[in-house]
Amino acid sequence: MRGPVMLGQDAAVADAPSNVRLADAGGDVIVVEPTGGAARVAFVLYPGGLVRPQAYEWIGHALAAHGVRTLIPEMPLDLAVLSADRAGEVAEALAPGLPVVVGGHSLGGAMAASYAADHDVSGLVLPAAYPSDSTDLSGEAFPVVSLMAQHDGVADAAKVTGGLDRLPGATRLITVDGAVHSFLGRYGPQDGDGVPTVERAEAEAAITGSLVEFFEALA
């Protein structure tokens, strides 16, 4: 049985100028909002398969200082594949008028890429994820960043790198040294994953640093 969507669960980020609330946009959505000024871009982040949305709240807090409003929707049965187009409804309700970047972890990333193939987006973020074989974004012009955990035992490295052929040519692939698949979210160890060679805090610092650089570069 799935537990409720929780706020503030293992989501502490030091000195994060942000606040968090739970909103309704066709279902629960965690909203992490900058407090130091108006948001300049929205980031709709799809959770990984069978992962609760609160596992990614920390990313929203880390990005808030950079003008990013992060929206993390709860998915039916915690599977983004059952609601791949959810980003449109979420953005319309909770980020009207803002440019929208979509992204997702693992299965959530594949579904975010599918959404980006058929909708107007300002960017795509793929943490430990790659587009499905039927999703071709190679002709798109929006920026994409792909984050690959060095010791990921779930998202196969060959599939992540192979997926670059279906992404825009300027896509940036970043390897998070020492990290594993589950370091992209805060939900604990995952069956089949690799063995990390860095502390989670070090990996998270690298992840957020790469995401901050990506969002800061957006026009």
N, C-alpha and C. Protein backbone atom coordinates (compact mmCIF):
# COMPACT_ATOMS: atom_id res chain seq x y z
N MET A 1 0.85 -1.20 0.00
CA MET A 1 0.00 0.00 0.00
C MET A 1 0.88 1.24 0.00
N ARG A 2 0.57 2.19 -0.87
CA ARG A 2 1.35 3.42 -0.95
C ARG A 2 1.00 4.34 0.20
N GLY A 3 2.04 5.00 0.73
CA GLY A 3 1.81 5.99 1.76
C GLY A 3 1.41 7.33 1.15
N PRO A 4 1.05 8.30 1.98
CA PRO A 4 0.66 9.61 1.46
C PRO A 4 1.86 10.38 0.93
N VAL A 5 1.58 11.38 0.12
CA VAL A 5 2.63 12.30 -0.30
C VAL A 5 3.00 13.14 0.91
N MET A 6 4.29 13.16 1.24
CA MET A 6 4.77 13.85 2.44
C MET A 6 5.65 15.02 2.03
N LEU A 7 5.62 16.08 2.82
CA LEU A 7 6.47 17.24 2.60
C LEU A 7 7.58 17.27 3.64
N GLY A 8 8.78 17.68 3.21
CA GLY A 8 9.88 17.82 4.14
C GLY A 8 10.51 16.51 4.56
N GLN A 9 10.15 15.41 3.90
CA GLN A 9 10.69 14.11 4.28
C GLN A 9 12.08 13.92 3.68
N ASP A 10 13.10 13.99 4.52
CA ASP A 10 14.48 13.78 4.08
C ASP A 10 14.84 14.73 2.94
N ALA A 11 14.37 15.99 3.04
CA ALA A 11 14.57 16.92 1.93
C ALA A 11 15.39 18.14 2.33
N ALA A 12 16.09 18.06 3.44
CA ALA A 12 16.84 19.22 3.92
C ALA A 12 17.96 19.60 2.97
N VAL A 13 18.02 20.86 2.63
CA VAL A 13 19.12 21.43 1.86
C VAL A 13 19.55 22.69 2.59
N ALA A 14 20.80 22.76 2.97
CA ALA A 14 21.28 23.86 3.80
C ALA A 14 21.05 25.20 3.13
N ASP A 15 20.48 26.13 3.90
CA ASP A 15 20.30 27.53 3.46
C ASP A 15 19.48 27.65 2.17
N ALA A 16 18.56 26.73 1.93
CA ALA A 16 17.75 26.80 0.72
C ALA A 16 16.69 27.89 0.86
N PRO A 17 16.71 28.93 0.00
CA PRO A 17 15.72 30.01 0.07
C PRO A 17 14.44 29.59 -0.65
N SER A 18 13.69 28.69 -0.02
CA SER A 18 12.54 28.10 -0.69
C SER A 18 11.45 27.78 0.31
N ASN A 19 10.25 27.59 -0.21
CA ASN A 19 9.20 27.00 0.60
C ASN A 19 8.52 25.90 -0.20
N VAL A 20 7.80 25.06 0.48
CA VAL A 20 7.22 23.89 -0.18
C VAL A 20 5.76 23.77 0.25
N ARG A 21 4.92 23.34 -0.70
CA ARG A 21 3.52 23.12 -0.41
C ARG A 21 3.01 21.98 -1.27
N LEU A 22 1.86 21.46 -0.91
CA LEU A 22 1.21 20.42 -1.68
C LEU A 22 0.02 21.04 -2.40
N ALA A 23 -0.03 20.89 -3.72
CA ALA A 23 -1.09 21.47 -4.53
C ALA A 23 -1.83 20.35 -5.26
N ASP A 24 -2.99 20.73 -5.82
CA ASP A 24 -3.78 19.78 -6.59
C ASP A 24 -3.83 20.22 -8.04
N ALA A 25 -3.36 19.37 -8.94
CA ALA A 25 -3.47 19.62 -10.38
C ALA A 25 -3.72 18.27 -11.03
N GLY A 26 -4.96 17.81 -10.94
CA GLY A 26 -5.29 16.47 -11.40
C GLY A 26 -4.72 15.40 -10.51
N GLY A 27 -4.42 15.74 -9.28
CA GLY A 27 -3.76 14.87 -8.31
C GLY A 27 -2.72 15.67 -7.55
N ASP A 28 -2.13 15.08 -6.55
CA ASP A 28 -1.16 15.78 -5.72
C ASP A 28 0.10 16.15 -6.49
N VAL A 29 0.59 17.35 -6.21
CA VAL A 29 1.85 17.84 -6.78
C VAL A 29 2.63 18.54 -5.69
N ILE A 30 3.88 18.16 -5.49
CA ILE A 30 4.76 18.90 -4.58
C ILE A 30 5.29 20.12 -5.33
N VAL A 31 5.11 21.30 -4.73
CA VAL A 31 5.57 22.55 -5.32
C VAL A 31 6.66 23.13 -4.44
N VAL A 32 7.86 23.30 -5.00
CA VAL A 32 8.95 23.93 -4.27
C VAL A 32 9.21 25.27 -4.94
N GLU A 33 9.03 26.34 -4.17
CA GLU A 33 8.98 27.69 -4.71
C GLU A 33 10.13 28.55 -4.19
N PRO A 34 10.77 29.35 -5.06
CA PRO A 34 11.76 30.31 -4.56
C PRO A 34 11.10 31.34 -3.64
N THR A 35 11.82 31.78 -2.64
CA THR A 35 11.30 32.84 -1.78
C THR A 35 12.01 34.17 -2.00
N GLY A 36 13.14 34.15 -2.71
CA GLY A 36 13.92 35.38 -2.90
C GLY A 36 13.50 36.18 -4.11
N GLY A 37 12.42 35.82 -4.78
CA GLY A 37 11.97 36.52 -5.96
C GLY A 37 11.09 35.61 -6.78
N ALA A 38 10.52 36.14 -7.84
CA ALA A 38 9.61 35.36 -8.66
C ALA A 38 10.35 34.27 -9.42
N ALA A 39 9.68 33.16 -9.61
CA ALA A 39 10.25 32.08 -10.42
C ALA A 39 10.35 32.53 -11.88
N ARG A 40 11.41 32.11 -12.55
CA ARG A 40 11.58 32.47 -13.96
C ARG A 40 11.39 31.27 -14.88
N VAL A 41 11.36 30.06 -14.31
CA VAL A 41 11.17 28.86 -15.10
C VAL A 41 10.55 27.78 -14.20
N ALA A 42 9.74 26.92 -14.80
CA ALA A 42 9.17 25.79 -14.07
C ALA A 42 9.85 24.50 -14.51
N PHE A 43 10.05 23.62 -13.55
CA PHE A 43 10.67 22.32 -13.79
C PHE A 43 9.70 21.24 -13.32
N VAL A 44 9.08 20.53 -14.27
CA VAL A 44 8.19 19.43 -13.94
C VAL A 44 9.01 18.15 -13.92
N LEU A 45 9.11 17.55 -12.75
CA LEU A 45 10.01 16.41 -12.52
C LEU A 45 9.19 15.16 -12.24
N TYR A 46 9.25 14.19 -13.16
CA TYR A 46 8.55 12.92 -12.99
C TYR A 46 9.37 11.97 -12.12
N PRO A 47 8.77 11.41 -11.07
CA PRO A 47 9.49 10.44 -10.24
C PRO A 47 9.82 9.16 -11.01
N GLY A 48 10.80 8.43 -10.50
CA GLY A 48 11.11 7.13 -11.05
C GLY A 48 10.01 6.12 -10.76
N GLY A 49 10.06 4.99 -11.44
CA GLY A 49 9.04 3.97 -11.27
C GLY A 49 8.95 3.45 -9.85
N LEU A 50 7.73 3.46 -9.29
CA LEU A 50 7.43 2.98 -7.94
C LEU A 50 8.11 3.80 -6.85
N VAL A 51 8.48 5.05 -7.18
CA VAL A 51 9.11 5.93 -6.20
C VAL A 51 8.14 7.07 -5.88
N ARG A 52 8.00 7.37 -4.60
CA ARG A 52 7.10 8.44 -4.18
C ARG A 52 7.70 9.80 -4.53
N PRO A 53 6.87 10.80 -4.82
CA PRO A 53 7.39 12.10 -5.28
C PRO A 53 8.27 12.81 -4.26
N GLN A 54 8.06 12.56 -2.98
CA GLN A 54 8.85 13.26 -1.97
C GLN A 54 10.34 12.91 -2.03
N ALA A 55 10.68 11.84 -2.72
CA ALA A 55 12.09 11.45 -2.84
C ALA A 55 12.91 12.46 -3.62
N TYR A 56 12.23 13.38 -4.33
CA TYR A 56 12.93 14.35 -5.18
C TYR A 56 12.74 15.80 -4.71
N GLU A 57 12.13 15.97 -3.55
CA GLU A 57 11.90 17.33 -3.05
C GLU A 57 13.22 18.08 -2.86
N TRP A 58 14.25 17.37 -2.46
CA TRP A 58 15.56 18.00 -2.21
C TRP A 58 16.09 18.71 -3.45
N ILE A 59 15.81 18.17 -4.63
CA ILE A 59 16.27 18.80 -5.86
C ILE A 59 15.59 20.16 -6.03
N GLY A 60 14.30 20.23 -5.73
CA GLY A 60 13.59 21.48 -5.82
C GLY A 60 14.16 22.54 -4.90
N HIS A 61 14.49 22.15 -3.68
CA HIS A 61 15.08 23.11 -2.74
C HIS A 61 16.43 23.60 -3.25
N ALA A 62 17.21 22.71 -3.82
CA ALA A 62 18.54 23.10 -4.32
C ALA A 62 18.45 24.06 -5.50
N LEU A 63 17.38 23.97 -6.29
CA LEU A 63 17.24 24.81 -7.48
C LEU A 63 16.51 26.12 -7.21
N ALA A 64 15.85 26.22 -6.07
CA ALA A 64 15.01 27.39 -5.81
C ALA A 64 15.78 28.69 -5.84
N ALA A 65 17.02 28.68 -5.36
CA ALA A 65 17.82 29.91 -5.33
C ALA A 65 18.15 30.41 -6.72
N HIS A 66 17.87 29.62 -7.73
CA HIS A 66 18.21 29.96 -9.11
C HIS A 66 16.96 30.24 -9.95
N GLY A 67 15.88 30.59 -9.24
CA GLY A 67 14.66 31.01 -9.92
C GLY A 67 13.83 29.89 -10.50
N VAL A 68 14.00 28.68 -9.99
CA VAL A 68 13.29 27.51 -10.53
C VAL A 68 12.14 27.12 -9.60
N ARG A 69 10.95 27.03 -10.16
CA ARG A 69 9.80 26.47 -9.44
C ARG A 69 9.71 25.00 -9.83
N THR A 70 9.94 24.11 -8.89
CA THR A 70 9.93 22.68 -9.17
C THR A 70 8.58 22.08 -8.82
N LEU A 71 8.03 21.30 -9.75
CA LEU A 71 6.72 20.68 -9.61
C LEU A 71 6.89 19.17 -9.76
N ILE A 72 6.58 18.43 -8.69
CA ILE A 72 6.80 16.98 -8.68
C ILE A 72 5.45 16.29 -8.51
N PRO A 73 4.87 15.78 -9.59
CA PRO A 73 3.54 15.19 -9.50
C PRO A 73 3.56 13.75 -9.01
N GLU A 74 2.54 13.42 -8.25
CA GLU A 74 2.30 12.02 -7.93
C GLU A 74 1.70 11.35 -9.16
N MET A 75 2.18 10.17 -9.49
CA MET A 75 1.71 9.44 -10.66
C MET A 75 0.79 8.28 -10.26
N PRO A 76 -0.13 7.90 -11.13
CA PRO A 76 -0.97 6.74 -10.83
C PRO A 76 -0.11 5.50 -10.56
N LEU A 77 -0.34 4.89 -9.41
CA LEU A 77 0.41 3.70 -9.00
C LEU A 77 1.92 3.95 -9.00
N ASP A 78 2.32 5.23 -8.90
CA ASP A 78 3.73 5.63 -8.92
C ASP A 78 4.43 5.19 -10.20
N LEU A 79 3.72 5.24 -11.32
CA LEU A 79 4.27 4.86 -12.62
C LEU A 79 3.96 5.97 -13.63
N ALA A 80 4.98 6.70 -14.04
CA ALA A 80 4.78 7.80 -14.98
C ALA A 80 4.27 7.31 -16.32
N VAL A 81 4.50 6.06 -16.65
CA VAL A 81 4.04 5.52 -17.92
C VAL A 81 2.51 5.54 -18.00
N LEU A 82 1.84 5.63 -16.86
CA LEU A 82 0.37 5.67 -16.85
C LEU A 82 -0.17 7.09 -17.00
N SER A 83 0.72 8.08 -17.01
CA SER A 83 0.28 9.47 -17.15
C SER A 83 1.41 10.31 -17.73
N ALA A 84 1.90 9.90 -18.90
CA ALA A 84 3.08 10.54 -19.48
C ALA A 84 2.85 12.00 -19.84
N ASP A 85 1.60 12.38 -20.09
CA ASP A 85 1.30 13.76 -20.47
C ASP A 85 0.93 14.65 -19.29
N ARG A 86 1.19 14.18 -18.10
CA ARG A 86 0.78 14.92 -16.89
C ARG A 86 1.42 16.30 -16.81
N ALA A 87 2.58 16.49 -17.40
CA ALA A 87 3.30 17.76 -17.29
C ALA A 87 2.48 18.93 -17.79
N GLY A 88 1.70 18.72 -18.84
CA GLY A 88 0.91 19.82 -19.39
C GLY A 88 -0.13 20.33 -18.41
N GLU A 89 -0.85 19.42 -17.80
CA GLU A 89 -1.87 19.78 -16.82
C GLU A 89 -1.24 20.46 -15.61
N VAL A 90 -0.11 19.93 -15.17
CA VAL A 90 0.57 20.48 -14.00
C VAL A 90 1.09 21.89 -14.29
N ALA A 91 1.72 22.08 -15.43
CA ALA A 91 2.27 23.39 -15.77
C ALA A 91 1.18 24.42 -15.97
N GLU A 92 0.10 24.03 -16.62
CA GLU A 92 -0.99 24.97 -16.85
C GLU A 92 -1.60 25.45 -15.55
N ALA A 93 -1.72 24.56 -14.58
CA ALA A 93 -2.35 24.91 -13.32
C ALA A 93 -1.41 25.63 -12.36
N LEU A 94 -0.12 25.27 -12.36
CA LEU A 94 0.78 25.72 -11.31
C LEU A 94 1.94 26.58 -11.80
N ALA A 95 2.06 26.76 -13.11
CA ALA A 95 3.13 27.61 -13.64
C ALA A 95 2.68 28.34 -14.90
N PRO A 96 1.49 28.96 -14.87
CA PRO A 96 1.01 29.63 -16.08
C PRO A 96 1.95 30.76 -16.50
N GLY A 97 2.26 30.80 -17.77
CA GLY A 97 3.11 31.87 -18.29
C GLY A 97 4.59 31.63 -18.17
N LEU A 98 5.01 30.59 -17.47
CA LEU A 98 6.44 30.31 -17.31
C LEU A 98 6.92 29.34 -18.38
N PRO A 99 8.16 29.49 -18.85
CA PRO A 99 8.75 28.43 -19.68
C PRO A 99 8.86 27.16 -18.86
N VAL A 100 8.70 26.02 -19.51
CA VAL A 100 8.63 24.75 -18.80
C VAL A 100 9.74 23.81 -19.27
N VAL A 101 10.53 23.35 -18.32
CA VAL A 101 11.50 22.27 -18.53
C VAL A 101 10.89 21.01 -17.93
N VAL A 102 10.98 19.90 -18.65
CA VAL A 102 10.50 18.64 -18.11
C VAL A 102 11.68 17.70 -17.87
N GLY A 103 11.47 16.75 -17.01
CA GLY A 103 12.53 15.79 -16.73
C GLY A 103 12.00 14.68 -15.85
N GLY A 104 12.83 13.70 -15.62
CA GLY A 104 12.42 12.62 -14.76
C GLY A 104 13.53 11.62 -14.54
N HIS A 105 13.41 10.92 -13.44
CA HIS A 105 14.39 9.93 -13.04
C HIS A 105 13.99 8.56 -13.60
N SER A 106 14.91 7.88 -14.27
CA SER A 106 14.70 6.51 -14.71
C SER A 106 13.48 6.42 -15.62
N LEU A 107 12.48 5.59 -15.28
CA LEU A 107 11.27 5.49 -16.09
C LEU A 107 10.60 6.85 -16.25
N GLY A 108 10.65 7.68 -15.19
CA GLY A 108 10.08 9.01 -15.29
C GLY A 108 10.75 9.84 -16.36
N GLY A 109 12.05 9.65 -16.54
CA GLY A 109 12.77 10.38 -17.58
C GLY A 109 12.36 9.95 -18.97
N ALA A 110 12.15 8.65 -19.16
CA ALA A 110 11.69 8.16 -20.47
C ALA A 110 10.34 8.76 -20.82
N MET A 111 9.47 8.88 -19.83
CA MET A 111 8.14 9.45 -20.07
C MET A 111 8.21 10.97 -20.28
N ALA A 112 9.13 11.64 -19.58
CA ALA A 112 9.33 13.07 -19.81
C ALA A 112 9.83 13.33 -21.22
N ALA A 113 10.72 12.46 -21.70
CA ALA A 113 11.21 12.58 -23.07
C ALA A 113 10.08 12.38 -24.07
N SER A 114 9.21 11.41 -23.79
CA SER A 114 8.06 11.18 -24.64
C SER A 114 7.16 12.41 -24.69
N TYR A 115 6.96 13.03 -23.54
CA TYR A 115 6.15 14.26 -23.49
C TYR A 115 6.82 15.36 -24.32
N ALA A 116 8.12 15.51 -24.17
CA ALA A 116 8.84 16.57 -24.88
C ALA A 116 8.78 16.39 -26.39
N ALA A 117 8.61 15.15 -26.85
CA ALA A 117 8.55 14.89 -28.28
C ALA A 117 7.29 15.46 -28.92
N ASP A 118 6.24 15.65 -28.12
CA ASP A 118 4.95 16.05 -28.66
C ASP A 118 4.45 17.40 -28.15
N HIS A 119 5.26 18.09 -27.34
CA HIS A 119 4.82 19.34 -26.75
C HIS A 119 5.95 20.37 -26.78
N ASP A 120 5.56 21.62 -26.60
CA ASP A 120 6.53 22.71 -26.58
C ASP A 120 7.17 22.80 -25.20
N VAL A 121 8.46 22.51 -25.11
CA VAL A 121 9.17 22.61 -23.84
C VAL A 121 10.43 23.45 -24.04
N SER A 122 10.96 23.93 -22.93
CA SER A 122 12.17 24.76 -22.97
C SER A 122 13.43 24.00 -22.62
N GLY A 123 13.29 22.72 -22.30
CA GLY A 123 14.46 21.91 -21.97
C GLY A 123 14.04 20.57 -21.43
N LEU A 124 15.01 19.67 -21.34
CA LEU A 124 14.77 18.31 -20.87
C LEU A 124 15.92 17.88 -19.98
N VAL A 125 15.59 17.28 -18.83
CA VAL A 125 16.58 16.81 -17.86
C VAL A 125 16.37 15.31 -17.66
N LEU A 126 17.44 14.53 -17.86
CA LEU A 126 17.34 13.08 -17.79
C LEU A 126 18.32 12.51 -16.77
N PRO A 127 17.94 12.45 -15.49
CA PRO A 127 18.80 11.83 -14.48
C PRO A 127 18.65 10.31 -14.52
N ALA A 128 19.73 9.61 -14.88
CA ALA A 128 19.73 8.15 -14.96
C ALA A 128 18.58 7.68 -15.84
N ALA A 129 18.44 8.31 -17.01
CA ALA A 129 17.32 8.02 -17.89
C ALA A 129 17.72 8.23 -19.34
N TYR A 130 16.91 7.70 -20.24
CA TYR A 130 17.14 7.86 -21.66
C TYR A 130 15.81 7.71 -22.39
N PRO A 131 15.67 8.28 -23.59
CA PRO A 131 14.40 8.15 -24.31
C PRO A 131 14.17 6.73 -24.79
N SER A 132 12.92 6.33 -24.86
CA SER A 132 12.59 5.01 -25.37
C SER A 132 12.98 4.90 -26.85
N ASP A 133 13.03 3.69 -27.36
CA ASP A 133 13.41 3.47 -28.75
C ASP A 133 12.46 4.17 -29.72
N SER A 134 11.22 4.40 -29.30
CA SER A 134 10.23 5.03 -30.18
C SER A 134 10.20 6.55 -30.06
N THR A 135 11.03 7.11 -29.21
CA THR A 135 11.07 8.56 -29.01
C THR A 135 12.31 9.14 -29.67
N ASP A 136 12.11 9.98 -30.68
CA ASP A 136 13.23 10.59 -31.40
C ASP A 136 13.18 12.10 -31.26
N LEU A 137 14.12 12.64 -30.51
CA LEU A 137 14.21 14.08 -30.29
C LEU A 137 15.42 14.68 -30.98
N SER A 138 16.04 13.92 -31.87
CA SER A 138 17.31 14.35 -32.47
C SER A 138 17.18 15.63 -33.28
N GLY A 139 15.98 15.94 -33.76
CA GLY A 139 15.80 17.15 -34.55
C GLY A 139 15.36 18.36 -33.75
N GLU A 140 15.24 18.21 -32.45
CA GLU A 140 14.80 19.33 -31.60
C GLU A 140 15.96 20.26 -31.26
N ALA A 141 15.59 21.50 -30.90
CA ALA A 141 16.62 22.50 -30.61
C ALA A 141 16.74 22.83 -29.12
N PHE A 142 15.84 22.32 -28.28
CA PHE A 142 15.90 22.68 -26.87
C PHE A 142 17.09 21.98 -26.19
N PRO A 143 17.62 22.60 -25.12
CA PRO A 143 18.77 22.01 -24.43
C PRO A 143 18.39 20.77 -23.62
N VAL A 144 19.31 19.85 -23.53
CA VAL A 144 19.10 18.61 -22.77
C VAL A 144 20.36 18.31 -21.97
N VAL A 145 20.16 17.88 -20.72
CA VAL A 145 21.27 17.37 -19.93
C VAL A 145 20.92 15.97 -19.47
N SER A 146 21.87 15.04 -19.63
CA SER A 146 21.72 13.66 -19.21
C SER A 146 22.74 13.39 -18.12
N LEU A 147 22.27 12.91 -16.97
CA LEU A 147 23.15 12.61 -15.83
C LEU A 147 23.25 11.09 -15.67
N MET A 148 24.45 10.56 -15.81
CA MET A 148 24.67 9.12 -15.73
C MET A 148 25.48 8.80 -14.49
N ALA A 149 24.93 7.96 -13.61
CA ALA A 149 25.65 7.54 -12.41
C ALA A 149 26.71 6.52 -12.80
N GLN A 150 27.92 6.71 -12.32
CA GLN A 150 29.05 5.86 -12.73
C GLN A 150 28.81 4.39 -12.44
N HIS A 151 28.21 4.07 -11.29
CA HIS A 151 28.02 2.68 -10.89
C HIS A 151 26.54 2.28 -10.92
N ASP A 152 25.81 2.87 -11.84
CA ASP A 152 24.38 2.58 -11.96
C ASP A 152 24.18 1.12 -12.39
N GLY A 153 23.46 0.37 -11.59
CA GLY A 153 23.17 -1.01 -11.94
C GLY A 153 21.78 -1.20 -12.49
N VAL A 154 21.02 -0.10 -12.66
CA VAL A 154 19.63 -0.18 -13.12
C VAL A 154 19.50 0.38 -14.54
N ALA A 155 19.95 1.61 -14.74
CA ALA A 155 19.95 2.21 -16.07
C ALA A 155 21.28 1.88 -16.74
N ASP A 156 21.26 0.94 -17.65
CA ASP A 156 22.48 0.44 -18.28
C ASP A 156 23.22 1.56 -19.01
N ALA A 157 24.52 1.66 -18.76
CA ALA A 157 25.32 2.74 -19.35
C ALA A 157 25.26 2.74 -20.87
N ALA A 158 25.25 1.56 -21.47
CA ALA A 158 25.20 1.48 -22.94
C ALA A 158 23.88 2.03 -23.47
N LYS A 159 22.80 1.82 -22.72
CA LYS A 159 21.50 2.35 -23.14
C LYS A 159 21.44 3.86 -22.96
N VAL A 160 22.07 4.36 -21.88
CA VAL A 160 22.10 5.81 -21.67
C VAL A 160 22.89 6.48 -22.79
N THR A 161 24.07 5.96 -23.09
CA THR A 161 24.88 6.57 -24.14
C THR A 161 24.26 6.33 -25.51
N GLY A 162 23.66 5.16 -25.71
CA GLY A 162 22.99 4.89 -26.98
C GLY A 162 21.81 5.82 -27.20
N GLY A 163 21.17 6.21 -26.11
CA GLY A 163 20.02 7.11 -26.21
C GLY A 163 20.38 8.50 -26.70
N LEU A 164 21.67 8.83 -26.66
CA LEU A 164 22.09 10.15 -27.14
C LEU A 164 21.78 10.33 -28.62
N ASP A 165 21.73 9.24 -29.37
CA ASP A 165 21.41 9.31 -30.80
C ASP A 165 19.98 9.79 -31.04
N ARG A 166 19.14 9.66 -30.02
CA ARG A 166 17.73 10.08 -30.14
C ARG A 166 17.48 11.40 -29.44
N LEU A 167 18.54 12.09 -29.07
CA LEU A 167 18.45 13.39 -28.40
C LEU A 167 19.11 14.45 -29.27
N PRO A 168 18.82 15.73 -29.01
CA PRO A 168 19.46 16.80 -29.79
C PRO A 168 20.98 16.69 -29.74
N GLY A 169 21.63 17.11 -30.82
CA GLY A 169 23.08 16.96 -30.94
C GLY A 169 23.87 17.68 -29.86
N ALA A 170 23.30 18.74 -29.31
CA ALA A 170 24.01 19.51 -28.28
C ALA A 170 23.79 18.97 -26.87
N THR A 171 23.11 17.84 -26.76
CA THR A 171 22.88 17.25 -25.43
C THR A 171 24.19 17.07 -24.68
N ARG A 172 24.17 17.43 -23.41
CA ARG A 172 25.36 17.28 -22.58
C ARG A 172 25.21 16.06 -21.69
N LEU A 173 26.13 15.11 -21.79
CA LEU A 173 26.15 13.93 -20.94
C LEU A 173 27.16 14.14 -19.83
N ILE A 174 26.70 14.00 -18.60
CA ILE A 174 27.56 14.20 -17.43
C ILE A 174 27.56 12.92 -16.59
N THR A 175 28.73 12.41 -16.29
CA THR A 175 28.86 11.24 -15.42
C THR A 175 29.05 11.71 -13.98
N VAL A 176 28.20 11.20 -13.10
CA VAL A 176 28.32 11.51 -11.67
C VAL A 176 29.23 10.47 -11.05
N ASP A 177 30.47 10.85 -10.83
CA ASP A 177 31.49 9.91 -10.36
C ASP A 177 31.09 9.25 -9.05
N GLY A 178 31.25 7.92 -9.01
CA GLY A 178 31.03 7.16 -7.78
C GLY A 178 29.59 6.91 -7.42
N ALA A 179 28.65 7.49 -8.17
CA ALA A 179 27.23 7.42 -7.79
C ALA A 179 26.56 6.16 -8.31
N VAL A 180 25.40 5.86 -7.74
CA VAL A 180 24.55 4.76 -8.20
C VAL A 180 23.17 5.31 -8.55
N HIS A 181 22.34 4.46 -9.10
CA HIS A 181 21.02 4.86 -9.58
C HIS A 181 20.20 5.55 -8.50
N SER A 182 20.18 4.97 -7.31
CA SER A 182 19.32 5.49 -6.25
C SER A 182 19.82 6.79 -5.65
N PHE A 183 21.02 7.23 -6.01
CA PHE A 183 21.51 8.52 -5.52
C PHE A 183 20.83 9.70 -6.21
N LEU A 184 20.08 9.43 -7.28
CA LEU A 184 19.35 10.50 -7.95
C LEU A 184 18.06 10.83 -7.22
N GLY A 185 17.69 10.03 -6.25
CA GLY A 185 16.52 10.29 -5.41
C GLY A 185 16.83 9.85 -4.00
N ARG A 186 16.01 10.26 -3.06
CA ARG A 186 16.21 9.86 -1.67
C ARG A 186 15.14 8.85 -1.28
N TYR A 187 15.34 7.62 -1.70
CA TYR A 187 14.37 6.57 -1.39
C TYR A 187 15.04 5.29 -0.92
N GLY A 188 16.34 5.34 -0.65
CA GLY A 188 17.04 4.19 -0.12
C GLY A 188 17.61 3.30 -1.19
N PRO A 189 18.29 2.21 -0.80
CA PRO A 189 18.92 1.31 -1.75
C PRO A 189 17.89 0.66 -2.67
N GLN A 190 18.33 0.28 -3.87
CA GLN A 190 17.45 -0.33 -4.86
C GLN A 190 18.02 -1.66 -5.31
N ASP A 191 17.15 -2.66 -5.41
CA ASP A 191 17.59 -3.98 -5.86
C ASP A 191 18.25 -3.88 -7.23
N GLY A 192 19.37 -4.55 -7.40
CA GLY A 192 20.06 -4.58 -8.67
C GLY A 192 20.99 -3.42 -8.92
N ASP A 193 20.99 -2.43 -8.02
CA ASP A 193 21.84 -1.27 -8.22
C ASP A 193 23.29 -1.61 -7.93
N GLY A 194 24.19 -0.71 -8.36
CA GLY A 194 25.61 -0.91 -8.12
C GLY A 194 26.01 -0.52 -6.70
N VAL A 195 27.32 -0.52 -6.48
CA VAL A 195 27.87 -0.17 -5.17
C VAL A 195 28.54 1.20 -5.29
N PRO A 196 28.10 2.18 -4.51
CA PRO A 196 28.69 3.52 -4.62
C PRO A 196 30.10 3.56 -4.09
N THR A 197 30.89 4.48 -4.64
CA THR A 197 32.26 4.68 -4.16
C THR A 197 32.46 6.10 -3.64
N VAL A 198 31.35 6.84 -3.49
CA VAL A 198 31.37 8.15 -2.86
C VAL A 198 30.21 8.21 -1.88
N GLU A 199 30.29 9.15 -0.95
CA GLU A 199 29.16 9.39 -0.06
C GLU A 199 28.02 10.02 -0.84
N ARG A 200 26.79 9.76 -0.39
CA ARG A 200 25.62 10.33 -1.06
C ARG A 200 25.71 11.85 -1.13
N ALA A 201 26.17 12.50 -0.07
CA ALA A 201 26.23 13.96 -0.06
C ALA A 201 27.14 14.49 -1.16
N GLU A 202 28.25 13.80 -1.41
CA GLU A 202 29.16 14.22 -2.47
C GLU A 202 28.51 14.07 -3.84
N ALA A 203 27.81 12.95 -4.04
CA ALA A 203 27.12 12.74 -5.31
C ALA A 203 26.02 13.77 -5.51
N GLU A 204 25.26 14.06 -4.45
CA GLU A 204 24.18 15.04 -4.57
C GLU A 204 24.72 16.42 -4.90
N ALA A 205 25.87 16.77 -4.34
CA ALA A 205 26.48 18.06 -4.65
C ALA A 205 26.83 18.15 -6.14
N ALA A 206 27.34 17.05 -6.69
CA ALA A 206 27.66 17.03 -8.12
C ALA A 206 26.40 17.10 -8.97
N ILE A 207 25.36 16.39 -8.55
CA ILE A 207 24.09 16.39 -9.28
C ILE A 207 23.49 17.79 -9.30
N THR A 208 23.37 18.39 -8.13
CA THR A 208 22.75 19.72 -8.07
C THR A 208 23.62 20.76 -8.78
N GLY A 209 24.94 20.62 -8.70
CA GLY A 209 25.81 21.55 -9.41
C GLY A 209 25.57 21.51 -10.91
N SER A 210 25.41 20.31 -11.45
CA SER A 210 25.16 20.16 -12.89
C SER A 210 23.78 20.71 -13.26
N LEU A 211 22.80 20.50 -12.41
CA LEU A 211 21.45 21.01 -12.70
C LEU A 211 21.41 22.53 -12.60
N VAL A 212 22.08 23.08 -11.61
CA VAL A 212 22.14 24.53 -11.48
C VAL A 212 22.77 25.14 -12.73
N GLU A 213 23.87 24.57 -13.19
CA GLU A 213 24.54 25.07 -14.40
C GLU A 213 23.59 25.02 -15.59
N PHE A 214 22.83 23.93 -15.71
CA PHE A 214 21.88 23.80 -16.82
C PHE A 214 20.81 24.89 -16.75
N PHE A 215 20.21 25.08 -15.59
CA PHE A 215 19.13 26.06 -15.48
C PHE A 215 19.66 27.49 -15.58
N GLU A 216 20.84 27.74 -15.10
CA GLU A 216 21.41 29.09 -15.21
C GLU A 216 21.67 29.44 -16.67
N ALA A 217 21.94 28.45 -17.49
CA ALA A 217 22.25 28.70 -18.91
C ALA A 217 21.01 28.95 -19.76
N LEU A 218 19.82 28.65 -19.20
CA LEU A 218 18.60 28.87 -19.96
C LEU A 218 18.37 30.36 -20.17
N ALA A 219 17.98 30.73 -21.37
CA ALA A 219 17.74 32.15 -21.68
C ALA A 219 16.57 32.66 -20.87
